[in-house]
Protein backbone atom coordinates (compact mmCIF):
# COMPACT_ATOMS: atom_id res chain seq x y z
CA MET A 1 3.82 18.57 -12.50
CA LEU A 2 7.93 17.83 -13.09
CA GLU A 3 7.81 21.19 -14.84
CA ARG A 4 7.56 22.55 -11.23
CA TRP A 5 9.48 20.36 -9.07
CA ALA A 6 11.43 23.12 -8.13
CA ASP A 7 8.83 24.80 -5.72
CA VAL A 8 8.58 21.11 -4.17
CA ARG A 9 11.33 22.45 -1.80
CA LEU A 10 12.08 19.49 0.62
CA PRO A 11 15.00 17.96 1.40
CA ASP A 12 15.85 14.05 -0.83
CA ALA A 13 12.47 14.88 -2.58
CA TRP A 14 11.22 12.31 -4.86
CA LEU A 15 7.99 11.51 -6.79
CA VAL A 16 7.50 7.62 -6.21
CA ALA A 17 5.72 4.46 -6.45
CA GLY A 18 2.35 4.80 -7.81
CA ALA A 19 1.77 8.56 -9.57
CA VAL A 20 5.22 7.10 -11.90
CA THR A 21 4.35 3.72 -11.76
CA GLN A 22 1.14 3.35 -13.05
CA THR A 23 1.30 6.71 -15.45
CA VAL A 24 3.83 4.69 -17.30
CA TRP A 25 1.16 1.19 -17.30
CA ASN A 26 -1.17 4.13 -18.71
CA VAL A 27 0.82 5.26 -21.72
CA LYS A 28 1.68 1.97 -22.64
CA LEU A 29 -2.21 0.75 -22.54
CA GLY A 30 -3.81 4.14 -24.04
CA LEU A 31 -5.11 4.98 -21.21
CA PRO A 32 -6.17 8.68 -19.58
CA PRO A 33 -3.05 9.08 -17.75
CA GLU A 34 -4.99 9.28 -14.84
CA HIS A 35 -6.55 6.18 -14.90
CA GLY A 36 -6.53 4.11 -11.85
CA ILE A 37 -4.09 6.83 -9.87
CA ARG A 38 -5.38 6.87 -6.16
CA ASP A 39 -2.22 10.13 -5.46
CA MET A 40 0.51 11.33 -6.23
CA ASP A 41 3.54 9.54 -3.61
CA ILE A 42 5.77 12.27 -2.71
CA VAL A 43 8.93 11.04 -0.42
CA TYR A 44 11.66 12.99 1.34
CA PHE A 45 14.34 12.76 4.33
CA ASP A 46 14.52 15.37 6.54
CA GLY A 47 15.71 13.75 10.28
CA ALA A 48 16.07 16.82 11.79
CA ASP A 49 12.05 17.33 12.22
CA LEU A 50 10.16 13.65 12.75
CA SER A 51 7.37 15.14 13.78
CA ALA A 52 4.14 14.33 12.35
CA GLU A 53 3.42 18.27 12.30
CA ALA A 54 5.89 19.02 10.98
CA GLU A 55 4.85 16.61 7.97
CA ALA A 56 1.25 17.31 7.74
CA ALA A 57 2.49 21.07 7.04
CA GLU A 58 4.44 20.18 4.24
CA GLU A 59 1.58 18.18 2.56
CA GLU A 60 -0.73 21.06 2.58
CA ARG A 61 1.80 22.84 1.54
CA ILE A 62 2.26 20.79 -1.25
CA ARG A 63 -1.31 20.05 -2.20
CA THR A 64 -2.32 23.90 -2.21
CA LEU A 65 1.06 23.69 -4.96
CA PHE A 66 -0.51 21.21 -6.98
CA SER A 67 -4.31 22.11 -6.40
CA ASP A 68 -4.79 21.88 -10.02
CA ILE A 69 -4.34 18.34 -9.89
CA PRO A 70 -6.62 16.29 -10.14
CA ILE A 71 -5.36 13.28 -7.79
CA LYS A 72 -3.66 14.38 -4.28
CA ALA A 73 -0.85 14.99 -2.68
CA ASP A 74 0.66 11.99 -0.05
CA VAL A 75 3.19 13.65 1.09
CA LYS A 76 5.43 11.01 3.70
CA ASN A 77 8.67 11.87 5.80
CA GLN A 78 11.17 8.66 5.09
CA ALA A 79 12.58 9.39 8.25
CA ARG A 80 10.01 9.17 10.90
CA VAL A 81 7.78 6.29 8.83
CA HIS A 82 9.77 3.54 11.19
CA LEU A 83 7.90 5.79 13.98
CA TRP A 84 3.67 4.61 12.61
CA TYR A 85 4.87 1.38 10.33
CA GLU A 86 3.59 -1.04 12.73
CA ASP A 87 0.63 0.64 14.58
CA ARG A 88 -0.40 0.79 10.36
CA PHE A 89 0.69 -2.40 8.91
CA GLY A 90 1.77 -4.45 12.10
CA ILE A 91 5.28 -4.97 11.51
CA VAL A 92 8.44 -3.66 12.79
CA ILE A 93 10.63 -1.44 10.52
CA GLN A 94 14.29 0.51 11.28
CA PRO A 95 14.76 3.88 10.81
CA TYR A 96 15.66 4.21 6.94
CA THR A 97 18.31 6.45 6.09
CA SER A 98 17.68 7.94 3.22
CA THR A 99 14.98 7.80 0.36
CA ASP A 100 16.73 5.50 -2.08
CA ASP A 101 16.81 3.52 1.67
CA ALA A 102 12.83 3.46 1.90
CA ILE A 103 12.21 3.56 -2.15
CA ALA A 104 14.54 0.13 -2.05
CA THR A 105 11.33 -1.77 0.28
CA PHE A 106 8.41 0.01 -1.94
CA PRO A 107 5.87 -3.30 -2.17
CA THR A 108 6.99 -4.17 -5.99
CA THR A 109 10.00 -4.62 -7.91
CA ALA A 110 7.66 -2.07 -10.55
CA THR A 111 6.71 0.07 -8.29
CA ALA A 112 10.42 0.98 -5.92
CA VAL A 113 11.09 3.86 -8.72
CA GLY A 114 11.27 7.57 -8.14
CA VAL A 115 11.64 10.54 -10.22
CA ARG A 116 12.70 14.07 -9.73
CA LYS A 117 13.99 17.45 -12.05
CA ASP A 118 17.11 18.79 -11.47
CA GLY A 119 17.05 22.19 -13.14
CA ALA A 120 16.86 20.72 -16.60
CA GLN A 121 17.96 17.15 -15.87
CA PHE A 122 15.18 14.70 -15.00
CA GLU A 123 16.68 12.11 -12.26
CA VAL A 124 15.53 8.52 -11.96
CA THR A 125 16.17 5.85 -9.29
CA ALA A 126 14.87 2.82 -9.34
CA PRO A 127 16.94 0.31 -7.08
CA PHE A 128 15.34 -3.19 -9.00
CA GLY A 129 16.10 -1.21 -12.43
CA LEU A 130 13.26 -0.30 -15.18
CA ALA A 131 13.12 -3.83 -16.88
CA ASP A 132 10.12 -4.82 -14.65
CA LEU A 133 8.46 -1.38 -15.30
CA CYS A 134 8.67 -1.01 -18.69
CA ALA A 135 7.23 -4.97 -18.97
CA MET A 136 4.64 -4.31 -16.65
CA LEU A 137 6.04 -7.17 -14.63
CA VAL A 138 4.89 -6.98 -11.04
CA ARG A 139 6.77 -9.09 -8.90
CA PRO A 140 6.80 -8.89 -4.90
CA ASN A 141 9.54 -6.94 -2.93
CA LYS A 142 9.89 -8.78 0.58
CA ALA A 143 12.55 -6.78 1.88
CA GLN A 144 9.62 -5.31 4.00
CA VAL A 145 5.87 -6.46 2.96
CA ASN A 146 4.12 -9.50 3.50
CA ALA A 147 1.97 -11.44 1.25
CA GLU A 148 -1.48 -9.63 3.02
CA ILE A 149 0.49 -6.38 1.88
CA TYR A 150 1.55 -7.25 -1.72
CA GLU A 151 -2.02 -9.61 -2.13
CA ALA A 152 -4.06 -5.94 -1.18
CA LYS A 153 -2.33 -3.87 -4.01
CA VAL A 154 -1.78 -6.55 -6.62
CA ALA A 155 -5.67 -7.29 -6.45
CA ARG A 156 -7.21 -3.53 -6.83
CA TRP A 157 -4.01 -3.76 -9.92
CA ARG A 158 -5.73 -6.69 -11.58
CA GLU A 159 -9.44 -5.10 -12.42
CA LEU A 160 -7.37 -1.34 -13.48
CA TRP A 161 -4.39 -2.87 -15.59
CA PRO A 162 -6.03 -6.57 -16.55
CA ALA A 163 -3.14 -6.74 -18.63
CA LEU A 164 -0.02 -6.62 -15.55
CA ASP A 165 1.58 -9.99 -15.77
CA ILE A 166 1.31 -10.14 -11.65
CA GLN A 167 3.63 -12.90 -10.32
CA PRO A 168 2.81 -14.90 -7.22
CA TRP A 169 4.01 -13.53 -3.73
CA ASN A 170 5.05 -17.10 -3.63
CA GLY A 171 6.24 -17.50 -7.33
């Protein structure tokens, strides 16, 4: 997938969250690479066009680009998340200033990670570092989510990756 990253052509785009984290867990546990991965999250930042239509068009383009991958692409413009977040999660958030700003609010320290390829070089963004990811340690990132959102995520993960060290919300 990353060998075709140049074709994504979205501003400040990253492959993030579960697509990265769960792939690492699968490799570490000797599981098939796609085990438990619901979607391939691609985030970008386009403050010039906050329309849902533009985001949907980019998602459709990316899904077509990666139609040979058995996991659907979920493409989100982080510049517009504040417009729908309260309706979906019941929490008002401030607009993000960049994709790095958004990634720093992801629900766990292990999933607050992104990768992309720039020419021959791979880039990583990980505001909490990579230690938790590599240790299969899941800790809540309370910057934006609540206990309910965190617990819903980790309940599914416990079933799929029982070797994870999942820390409680109030741990």
